[in-house]
Amino acid sequence: MNQDILFADIQTWDSGRQAVCFPAQQAGALIRCWVSLIWLEKQAGEVLTDEAAILTAFTSYRFDLEELAESMIEDEDFNQDGEVMID
């Protein structure tokens, strides 16, 4: 795990984007990382219908998500807004 990339223990559900946001920090820069509801549902093997269930699923896969996001950050695989999107 790259210690130059730090993840805060913060996550928020964005119903408009249908994704959970979890921030990362690299060299003082804040990078917004997102995981789609579809990705979480695929991993959980069930439809997630409310915020509590979605955030619980996120917590279950946090370690994997941080590894994926870290790899994407290292590869500079950002969207047009400079964010990481896992879907």
PDB file of N, CA and C in Angstrom:
ATOM      1  N   MET A   1       0.847  -1.185   0.000  1.00  0.00           N
ATOM      2  CA  MET A   1       0.000   0.000   0.000  1.00  0.00           C
ATOM      3  C   MET A   1       0.894   1.250   0.000  1.00  0.00           C
ATOM      4  N   ASN A   2       0.587   2.158  -0.856  1.00  0.00           N
ATOM      5  CA  ASN A   2       1.355   3.387  -1.000  1.00  0.00           C
ATOM      6  C   ASN A   2       1.024   4.332   0.152  1.00  0.00           C
ATOM      7  N   GLN A   3       2.023   4.664   0.967  1.00  0.00           N
ATOM      8  CA  GLN A   3       1.768   5.521   2.115  1.00  0.00           C
ATOM      9  C   GLN A   3       1.710   6.995   1.738  1.00  0.00           C
ATOM     10  N   ASP A   4       1.936   7.300   0.456  1.00  0.00           N
ATOM     11  CA  ASP A   4       1.790   8.669  -0.010  1.00  0.00           C
ATOM     12  C   ASP A   4       0.329   9.006  -0.303  1.00  0.00           C
ATOM     13  N   ILE A   5      -0.507   7.983  -0.361  1.00  0.00           N
ATOM     14  CA  ILE A   5      -1.937   8.170  -0.601  1.00  0.00           C
ATOM     15  C   ILE A   5      -2.671   7.770   0.666  1.00  0.00           C
ATOM     16  N   LEU A   6      -3.404   8.708   1.218  1.00  0.00           N
ATOM     17  CA  LEU A   6      -4.127   8.476   2.469  1.00  0.00           C
ATOM     18  C   LEU A   6      -5.622   8.559   2.218  1.00  0.00           C
ATOM     19  N   PHE A   7      -6.366   7.690   2.903  1.00  0.00           N
ATOM     20  CA  PHE A   7      -7.819   7.688   2.813  1.00  0.00           C
ATOM     21  C   PHE A   7      -8.394   8.038   4.172  1.00  0.00           C
ATOM     22  N   ALA A   8      -9.282   9.010   4.184  1.00  0.00           N
ATOM     23  CA  ALA A   8      -9.973   9.367   5.423  1.00  0.00           C
ATOM     24  C   ALA A   8     -11.099   8.365   5.650  1.00  0.00           C
ATOM     25  N   ASP A   9     -11.494   8.214   6.886  1.00  0.00           N
ATOM     26  CA  ASP A   9     -12.593   7.307   7.221  1.00  0.00           C
ATOM     27  C   ASP A   9     -13.920   8.060   7.072  1.00  0.00           C
ATOM     28  N   ILE A  10     -14.131   8.573   5.864  1.00  0.00           N
ATOM     29  CA  ILE A  10     -15.320   9.370   5.553  1.00  0.00           C
ATOM     30  C   ILE A  10     -15.915   8.811   4.270  1.00  0.00           C
ATOM     31  N   GLN A  11     -17.216   8.676   4.251  1.00  0.00           N
ATOM     32  CA  GLN A  11     -17.902   8.282   3.043  1.00  0.00           C
ATOM     33  C   GLN A  11     -19.301   8.894   3.055  1.00  0.00           C
ATOM     34  N   THR A  12     -19.738   9.330   1.877  1.00  0.00           N
ATOM     35  CA  THR A  12     -21.057   9.938   1.779  1.00  0.00           C
ATOM     36  C   THR A  12     -21.770   9.408   0.543  1.00  0.00           C
ATOM     37  N   TRP A  13     -23.048   9.180   0.687  1.00  0.00           N
ATOM     38  CA  TRP A  13     -23.886   8.722  -0.405  1.00  0.00           C
ATOM     39  C   TRP A  13     -24.406   9.936  -1.171  1.00  0.00           C
ATOM     40  N   ASP A  14     -24.286   9.901  -2.488  1.00  0.00           N
ATOM     41  CA  ASP A  14     -24.803  10.959  -3.349  1.00  0.00           C
ATOM     42  C   ASP A  14     -25.897  10.334  -4.220  1.00  0.00           C
ATOM     43  N   SER A  15     -27.150  10.611  -3.877  1.00  0.00           N
ATOM     44  CA  SER A  15     -28.260   9.984  -4.597  1.00  0.00           C
ATOM     45  C   SER A  15     -28.338  10.460  -6.041  1.00  0.00           C
ATOM     46  N   GLY A  16     -27.914  11.687  -6.312  1.00  0.00           N
ATOM     47  CA  GLY A  16     -27.922  12.195  -7.678  1.00  0.00           C
ATOM     48  C   GLY A  16     -26.974  11.437  -8.588  1.00  0.00           C
ATOM     49  N   ARG A  17     -25.800  11.111  -8.066  1.00  0.00           N
ATOM     50  CA  ARG A  17     -24.792  10.367  -8.846  1.00  0.00           C
ATOM     51  C   ARG A  17     -24.954   8.860  -8.700  1.00  0.00           C
ATOM     52  N   GLN A  18     -25.791   8.449  -7.733  1.00  0.00           N
ATOM     53  CA  GLN A  18     -25.951   7.021  -7.440  1.00  0.00           C
ATOM     54  C   GLN A  18     -24.583   6.390  -7.164  1.00  0.00           C
ATOM     55  N   ALA A  19     -23.833   7.067  -6.261  1.00  0.00           N
ATOM     56  CA  ALA A  19     -22.486   6.625  -5.934  1.00  0.00           C
ATOM     57  C   ALA A  19     -22.099   7.106  -4.542  1.00  0.00           C
ATOM     58  N   VAL A  20     -21.150   6.402  -3.957  1.00  0.00           N
ATOM     59  CA  VAL A  20     -20.590   6.778  -2.660  1.00  0.00           C
ATOM     60  C   VAL A  20     -19.260   7.481  -2.922  1.00  0.00           C
ATOM     61  N   CYS A  21     -19.070   8.611  -2.255  1.00  0.00           N
ATOM     62  CA  CYS A  21     -17.824   9.372  -2.354  1.00  0.00           C
ATOM     63  C   CYS A  21     -16.964   9.065  -1.131  1.00  0.00           C
ATOM     64  N   PHE A  22     -15.681   8.800  -1.380  1.00  0.00           N
ATOM     65  CA  PHE A  22     -14.717   8.625  -0.281  1.00  0.00           C
ATOM     66  C   PHE A  22     -13.425   9.328  -0.680  1.00  0.00           C
ATOM     67  N   PRO A  23     -12.999  10.294   0.122  1.00  0.00           N
ATOM     68  CA  PRO A  23     -11.848  11.117  -0.264  1.00  0.00           C
ATOM     69  C   PRO A  23     -10.498  10.436  -0.017  1.00  0.00           C
ATOM     70  N   ALA A  24      -9.569  10.811  -0.877  1.00  0.00           N
ATOM     71  CA  ALA A  24      -8.172  10.399  -0.717  1.00  0.00           C
ATOM     72  C   ALA A  24      -7.326  11.660  -0.732  1.00  0.00           C
ATOM     73  N   GLN A  25      -6.128  11.553  -0.193  1.00  0.00           N
ATOM     74  CA  GLN A  25      -5.211  12.683  -0.194  1.00  0.00           C
ATOM     75  C   GLN A  25      -3.857  12.189  -0.670  1.00  0.00           C
ATOM     76  N   GLN A  26      -3.302  12.931  -1.620  1.00  0.00           N
ATOM     77  CA  GLN A  26      -1.973  12.618  -2.138  1.00  0.00           C
ATOM     78  C   GLN A  26      -1.194  13.919  -2.241  1.00  0.00           C
ATOM     79  N   ALA A  27      -0.055  13.977  -1.571  1.00  0.00           N
ATOM     80  CA  ALA A  27       0.806  15.165  -1.582  1.00  0.00           C
ATOM     81  C   ALA A  27       0.010  16.433  -1.271  1.00  0.00           C
ATOM     82  N   GLY A  28      -0.899  16.328  -0.313  1.00  0.00           N
ATOM     83  CA  GLY A  28      -1.692  17.473   0.106  1.00  0.00           C
ATOM     84  C   GLY A  28      -2.904  17.765  -0.757  1.00  0.00           C
ATOM     85  N   ALA A  29      -3.033  17.085  -1.898  1.00  0.00           N
ATOM     86  CA  ALA A  29      -4.173  17.310  -2.795  1.00  0.00           C
ATOM     87  C   ALA A  29      -5.313  16.361  -2.435  1.00  0.00           C
ATOM     88  N   LEU A  30      -6.518  16.910  -2.394  1.00  0.00           N
ATOM     89  CA  LEU A  30      -7.708  16.107  -2.129  1.00  0.00           C
ATOM     90  C   LEU A  30      -8.215  15.524  -3.438  1.00  0.00           C
ATOM     91  N   ILE A  31      -8.429  14.228  -3.455  1.00  0.00           N
ATOM     92  CA  ILE A  31      -8.936  13.535  -4.631  1.00  0.00           C
ATOM     93  C   ILE A  31     -10.244  12.862  -4.239  1.00  0.00           C
ATOM     94  N   ARG A  32     -11.307  13.224  -4.918  1.00  0.00           N
ATOM     95  CA  ARG A  32     -12.606  12.610  -4.651  1.00  0.00           C
ATOM     96  C   ARG A  32     -12.666  11.285  -5.396  1.00  0.00           C
ATOM     97  N   CYS A  33     -12.927  10.228  -4.640  1.00  0.00           N
ATOM     98  CA  CYS A  33     -13.059   8.898  -5.209  1.00  0.00           C
ATOM     99  C   CYS A  33     -14.529   8.494  -5.094  1.00  0.00           C
ATOM    100  N   TRP A  34     -15.023   7.830  -6.119  1.00  0.00           N
ATOM    101  CA  TRP A  34     -16.420   7.425  -6.163  1.00  0.00           C
ATOM    102  C   TRP A  34     -16.510   5.942  -6.487  1.00  0.00           C
ATOM    103  N   VAL A  35     -17.507   5.290  -5.895  1.00  0.00           N
ATOM    104  CA  VAL A  35     -17.850   3.924  -6.285  1.00  0.00           C
ATOM    105  C   VAL A  35     -19.341   3.918  -6.586  1.00  0.00           C
ATOM    106  N   SER A  36     -19.692   3.334  -7.721  1.00  0.00           N
ATOM    107  CA  SER A  36     -21.085   3.348  -8.152  1.00  0.00           C
ATOM    108  C   SER A  36     -21.920   2.350  -7.353  1.00  0.00           C
ATOM    109  N   LEU A  37     -23.187   2.650  -7.272  1.00  0.00           N
ATOM    110  CA  LEU A  37     -24.139   1.737  -6.643  1.00  0.00           C
ATOM    111  C   LEU A  37     -24.131   0.396  -7.368  1.00  0.00           C
ATOM    112  N   ILE A  38     -24.014   0.427  -8.682  1.00  0.00           N
ATOM    113  CA  ILE A  38     -23.996  -0.819  -9.468  1.00  0.00           C
ATOM    114  C   ILE A  38     -22.834  -1.706  -9.038  1.00  0.00           C
ATOM    115  N   TRP A  39     -21.642  -1.115  -8.832  1.00  0.00           N
ATOM    116  CA  TRP A  39     -20.473  -1.898  -8.399  1.00  0.00           C
ATOM    117  C   TRP A  39     -20.743  -2.523  -7.038  1.00  0.00           C
ATOM    118  N   LEU A  40     -21.274  -1.718  -6.120  1.00  0.00           N
ATOM    119  CA  LEU A  40     -21.562  -2.236  -4.779  1.00  0.00           C
ATOM    120  C   LEU A  40     -22.597  -3.360  -4.817  1.00  0.00           C
ATOM    121  N   GLU A  41     -23.621  -3.196  -5.643  1.00  0.00           N
ATOM    122  CA  GLU A  41     -24.651  -4.240  -5.747  1.00  0.00           C
ATOM    123  C   GLU A  41     -24.085  -5.524  -6.346  1.00  0.00           C
ATOM    124  N   LYS A  42     -23.203  -5.397  -7.333  1.00  0.00           N
ATOM    125  CA  LYS A  42     -22.562  -6.588  -7.922  1.00  0.00           C
ATOM    126  C   LYS A  42     -21.774  -7.342  -6.865  1.00  0.00           C
ATOM    127  N   GLN A  43     -21.002  -6.598  -6.070  1.00  0.00           N
ATOM    128  CA  GLN A  43     -20.189  -7.241  -5.032  1.00  0.00           C
ATOM    129  C   GLN A  43     -21.052  -7.874  -3.949  1.00  0.00           C
ATOM    130  N   ALA A  44     -22.108  -7.163  -3.551  1.00  0.00           N
ATOM    131  CA  ALA A  44     -22.974  -7.644  -2.477  1.00  0.00           C
ATOM    132  C   ALA A  44     -23.900  -8.760  -2.950  1.00  0.00           C
ATOM    133  N   GLY A  45     -24.147  -8.826  -4.252  1.00  0.00           N
ATOM    134  CA  GLY A  45     -25.040  -9.846  -4.788  1.00  0.00           C
ATOM    135  C   GLY A  45     -26.499  -9.588  -4.465  1.00  0.00           C
ATOM    136  N   GLU A  46     -26.833  -8.328  -4.240  1.00  0.00           N
ATOM    137  CA  GLU A  46     -28.218  -7.970  -3.925  1.00  0.00           C
ATOM    138  C   GLU A  46     -28.478  -6.515  -4.280  1.00  0.00           C
ATOM    139  N   VAL A  47     -29.758  -6.189  -4.400  1.00  0.00           N
ATOM    140  CA  VAL A  47     -30.161  -4.815  -4.663  1.00  0.00           C
ATOM    141  C   VAL A  47     -30.111  -4.050  -3.340  1.00  0.00           C
ATOM    142  N   LEU A  48     -29.456  -2.906  -3.357  1.00  0.00           N
ATOM    143  CA  LEU A  48     -29.328  -2.070  -2.160  1.00  0.00           C
ATOM    144  C   LEU A  48     -30.277  -0.889  -2.329  1.00  0.00           C
ATOM    145  N   THR A  49     -31.267  -0.795  -1.453  1.00  0.00           N
ATOM    146  CA  THR A  49     -32.355   0.158  -1.682  1.00  0.00           C
ATOM    147  C   THR A  49     -32.326   1.396  -0.801  1.00  0.00           C
ATOM    148  N   ASP A  50     -31.557   1.392   0.272  1.00  0.00           N
ATOM    149  CA  ASP A  50     -31.539   2.583   1.122  1.00  0.00           C
ATOM    150  C   ASP A  50     -30.103   2.944   1.499  1.00  0.00           C
ATOM    151  N   GLU A  51     -29.939   4.177   1.943  1.00  0.00           N
ATOM    152  CA  GLU A  51     -28.610   4.705   2.241  1.00  0.00           C
ATOM    153  C   GLU A  51     -27.865   3.854   3.267  1.00  0.00           C
ATOM    154  N   ALA A  52     -28.546   3.398   4.300  1.00  0.00           N
ATOM    155  CA  ALA A  52     -27.881   2.599   5.339  1.00  0.00           C
ATOM    156  C   ALA A  52     -27.306   1.312   4.746  1.00  0.00           C
ATOM    157  N   ALA A  53     -28.067   0.639   3.905  1.00  0.00           N
ATOM    158  CA  ALA A  53     -27.596  -0.609   3.280  1.00  0.00           C
ATOM    159  C   ALA A  53     -26.435  -0.334   2.330  1.00  0.00           C
ATOM    160  N   ILE A  54     -26.516   0.772   1.608  1.00  0.00           N
ATOM    161  CA  ILE A  54     -25.458   1.137   0.668  1.00  0.00           C
ATOM    162  C   ILE A  54     -24.159   1.420   1.417  1.00  0.00           C
ATOM    163  N   LEU A  55     -24.235   2.191   2.482  1.00  0.00           N
ATOM    164  CA  LEU A  55     -23.028   2.526   3.253  1.00  0.00           C
ATOM    165  C   LEU A  55     -22.474   1.311   3.992  1.00  0.00           C
ATOM    166  N   THR A  56     -23.355   0.404   4.401  1.00  0.00           N
ATOM    167  CA  THR A  56     -22.894  -0.843   5.026  1.00  0.00           C
ATOM    168  C   THR A  56     -22.115  -1.674   4.006  1.00  0.00           C
ATOM    169  N   ALA A  57     -22.645  -1.758   2.788  1.00  0.00           N
ATOM    170  CA  ALA A  57     -21.939  -2.488   1.730  1.00  0.00           C
ATOM    171  C   ALA A  57     -20.598  -1.822   1.439  1.00  0.00           C
ATOM    172  N   PHE A  58     -20.589  -0.494   1.374  1.00  0.00           N
ATOM    173  CA  PHE A  58     -19.338   0.221   1.146  1.00  0.00           C
ATOM    174  C   PHE A  58     -18.313  -0.159   2.216  1.00  0.00           C
ATOM    175  N   THR A  59     -18.727  -0.142   3.468  1.00  0.00           N
ATOM    176  CA  THR A  59     -17.814  -0.466   4.564  1.00  0.00           C
ATOM    177  C   THR A  59     -17.263  -1.883   4.416  1.00  0.00           C
ATOM    178  N   SER A  60     -18.101  -2.802   3.962  1.00  0.00           N
ATOM    179  CA  SER A  60     -17.663  -4.188   3.779  1.00  0.00           C
ATOM    180  C   SER A  60     -16.555  -4.315   2.735  1.00  0.00           C
ATOM    181  N   TYR A  61     -16.576  -3.441   1.735  1.00  0.00           N
ATOM    182  CA  TYR A  61     -15.617  -3.515   0.636  1.00  0.00           C
ATOM    183  C   TYR A  61     -14.597  -2.380   0.651  1.00  0.00           C
ATOM    184  N   ARG A  62     -14.544  -1.646   1.755  1.00  0.00           N
ATOM    185  CA  ARG A  62     -13.662  -0.478   1.849  1.00  0.00           C
ATOM    186  C   ARG A  62     -12.213  -0.804   1.485  1.00  0.00           C
ATOM    187  N   PHE A  63     -11.661  -1.860   2.046  1.00  0.00           N
ATOM    188  CA  PHE A  63     -10.253  -2.180   1.795  1.00  0.00           C
ATOM    189  C   PHE A  63     -10.015  -2.401   0.308  1.00  0.00           C
ATOM    190  N   ASP A  64     -10.879  -3.187  -0.339  1.00  0.00           N
ATOM    191  CA  ASP A  64     -10.740  -3.439  -1.779  1.00  0.00           C
ATOM    192  C   ASP A  64     -10.885  -2.151  -2.576  1.00  0.00           C
ATOM    193  N   LEU A  65     -11.841  -1.314  -2.181  1.00  0.00           N
ATOM    194  CA  LEU A  65     -12.073  -0.051  -2.879  1.00  0.00           C
ATOM    195  C   LEU A  65     -10.871   0.885  -2.750  1.00  0.00           C
ATOM    196  N   GLU A  66     -10.294   0.938  -1.572  1.00  0.00           N
ATOM    197  CA  GLU A  66      -9.115   1.786  -1.388  1.00  0.00           C
ATOM    198  C   GLU A  66      -7.950   1.285  -2.237  1.00  0.00           C
ATOM    199  N   GLU A  67      -7.790  -0.028  -2.351  1.00  0.00           N
ATOM    200  CA  GLU A  67      -6.730  -0.572  -3.203  1.00  0.00           C
ATOM    201  C   GLU A  67      -6.972  -0.232  -4.671  1.00  0.00           C
ATOM    202  N   LEU A  68      -8.228  -0.372  -5.122  1.00  0.00           N
ATOM    203  CA  LEU A  68      -8.558  -0.021  -6.503  1.00  0.00           C
ATOM    204  C   LEU A  68      -8.315   1.465  -6.758  1.00  0.00           C
ATOM    205  N   ALA A  69      -8.794   2.307  -5.853  1.00  0.00           N
ATOM    206  CA  ALA A  69      -8.623   3.751  -6.007  1.00  0.00           C
ATOM    207  C   ALA A  69      -7.145   4.125  -5.993  1.00  0.00           C
ATOM    208  N   GLU A  70      -6.385   3.510  -5.105  1.00  0.00           N
ATOM    209  CA  GLU A  70      -4.953   3.793  -5.028  1.00  0.00           C
ATOM    210  C   GLU A  70      -4.268   3.467  -6.349  1.00  0.00           C
ATOM    211  N   SER A  71      -4.599   2.326  -6.917  1.00  0.00           N
ATOM    212  CA  SER A  71      -4.022   1.927  -8.198  1.00  0.00           C
ATOM    213  C   SER A  71      -4.405   2.915  -9.301  1.00  0.00           C
ATOM    214  N   MET A  72      -5.648   3.348  -9.300  1.00  0.00           N
ATOM    215  CA  MET A  72      -6.104   4.310 -10.305  1.00  0.00           C
ATOM    216  C   MET A  72      -5.407   5.662 -10.139  1.00  0.00           C
ATOM    217  N   ILE A  73      -5.204   6.079  -8.895  1.00  0.00           N
ATOM    218  CA  ILE A  73      -4.500   7.338  -8.637  1.00  0.00           C
ATOM    219  C   ILE A  73      -3.052   7.237  -9.126  1.00  0.00           C
ATOM    220  N   GLU A  74      -2.395   6.141  -8.810  1.00  0.00           N
ATOM    221  CA  GLU A  74      -1.010   5.949  -9.243  1.00  0.00           C
ATOM    222  C   GLU A  74      -0.900   5.942 -10.765  1.00  0.00           C
ATOM    223  N   ASP A  75      -1.926   5.390 -11.444  1.00  0.00           N
ATOM    224  CA  ASP A  75      -1.942   5.346 -12.911  1.00  0.00           C
ATOM    225  C   ASP A  75      -2.500   6.621 -13.534  1.00  0.00           C
ATOM    226  N   GLU A  76      -2.859   7.589 -12.668  1.00  0.00           N
ATOM    227  CA  GLU A  76      -3.475   8.843 -13.105  1.00  0.00           C
ATOM    228  C   GLU A  76      -4.710   8.602 -13.956  1.00  0.00           C
ATOM    229  N   ASP A  77      -5.499   7.629 -13.523  1.00  0.00           N
ATOM    230  CA  ASP A  77      -6.738   7.250 -14.216  1.00  0.00           C
ATOM    231  C   ASP A  77      -7.896   8.060 -13.627  1.00  0.00           C
ATOM    232  N   PHE A  78      -7.950   9.337 -13.978  1.00  0.00           N
ATOM    233  CA  PHE A  78      -8.955  10.251 -13.451  1.00  0.00           C
ATOM    234  C   PHE A  78      -9.999  10.552 -14.521  1.00  0.00           C
ATOM    235  N   ASN A  79     -11.203  10.920 -14.083  1.00  0.00           N
ATOM    236  CA  ASN A  79     -12.214  11.374 -15.036  1.00  0.00           C
ATOM    237  C   ASN A  79     -11.940  12.839 -15.389  1.00  0.00           C
ATOM    238  N   GLN A  80     -12.819  13.445 -16.181  1.00  0.00           N
ATOM    239  CA  GLN A  80     -12.604  14.825 -16.633  1.00  0.00           C
ATOM    240  C   GLN A  80     -12.612  15.831 -15.489  1.00  0.00           C
ATOM    241  N   ASP A  81     -13.175  15.445 -14.336  1.00  0.00           N
ATOM    242  CA  ASP A  81     -13.214  16.330 -13.175  1.00  0.00           C
ATOM    243  C   ASP A  81     -12.045  16.094 -12.214  1.00  0.00           C
ATOM    244  N   GLY A  82     -11.107  15.225 -12.590  1.00  0.00           N
ATOM    245  CA  GLY A  82      -9.968  14.927 -11.733  1.00  0.00           C
ATOM    246  C   GLY A  82     -10.308  13.993 -10.591  1.00  0.00           C
ATOM    247  N   GLU A  83     -11.381  13.220 -10.764  1.00  0.00           N
ATOM    248  CA  GLU A  83     -11.833  12.283  -9.734  1.00  0.00           C
ATOM    249  C   GLU A  83     -11.594  10.850 -10.191  1.00  0.00           C
ATOM    250  N   VAL A  84     -11.620   9.937  -9.237  1.00  0.00           N
ATOM    251  CA  VAL A  84     -11.520   8.515  -9.521  1.00  0.00           C
ATOM    252  C   VAL A  84     -12.941   7.949  -9.471  1.00  0.00           C
ATOM    253  N   MET A  85     -13.321   7.181 -10.497  1.00  0.00           N
ATOM    254  CA  MET A  85     -14.646   6.580 -10.535  1.00  0.00           C
ATOM    255  C   MET A  85     -14.522   5.079 -10.707  1.00  0.00           C
ATOM    256  N   ILE A  86     -14.991   4.346  -9.719  1.00  0.00           N
ATOM    257  CA  ILE A  86     -15.000   2.886  -9.769  1.00  0.00           C
ATOM    258  C   ILE A  86     -16.414   2.458 -10.109  1.00  0.00           C
ATOM    259  N   ASP A  87     -16.585   1.867 -11.264  1.00  0.00           N
ATOM    260  CA  ASP A  87     -17.893   1.355 -11.630  1.00  0.00           C
ATOM    261  C   ASP A  87     -17.761   0.119 -12.418  1.00  0.00           C
TER     262      ASP A  87
END
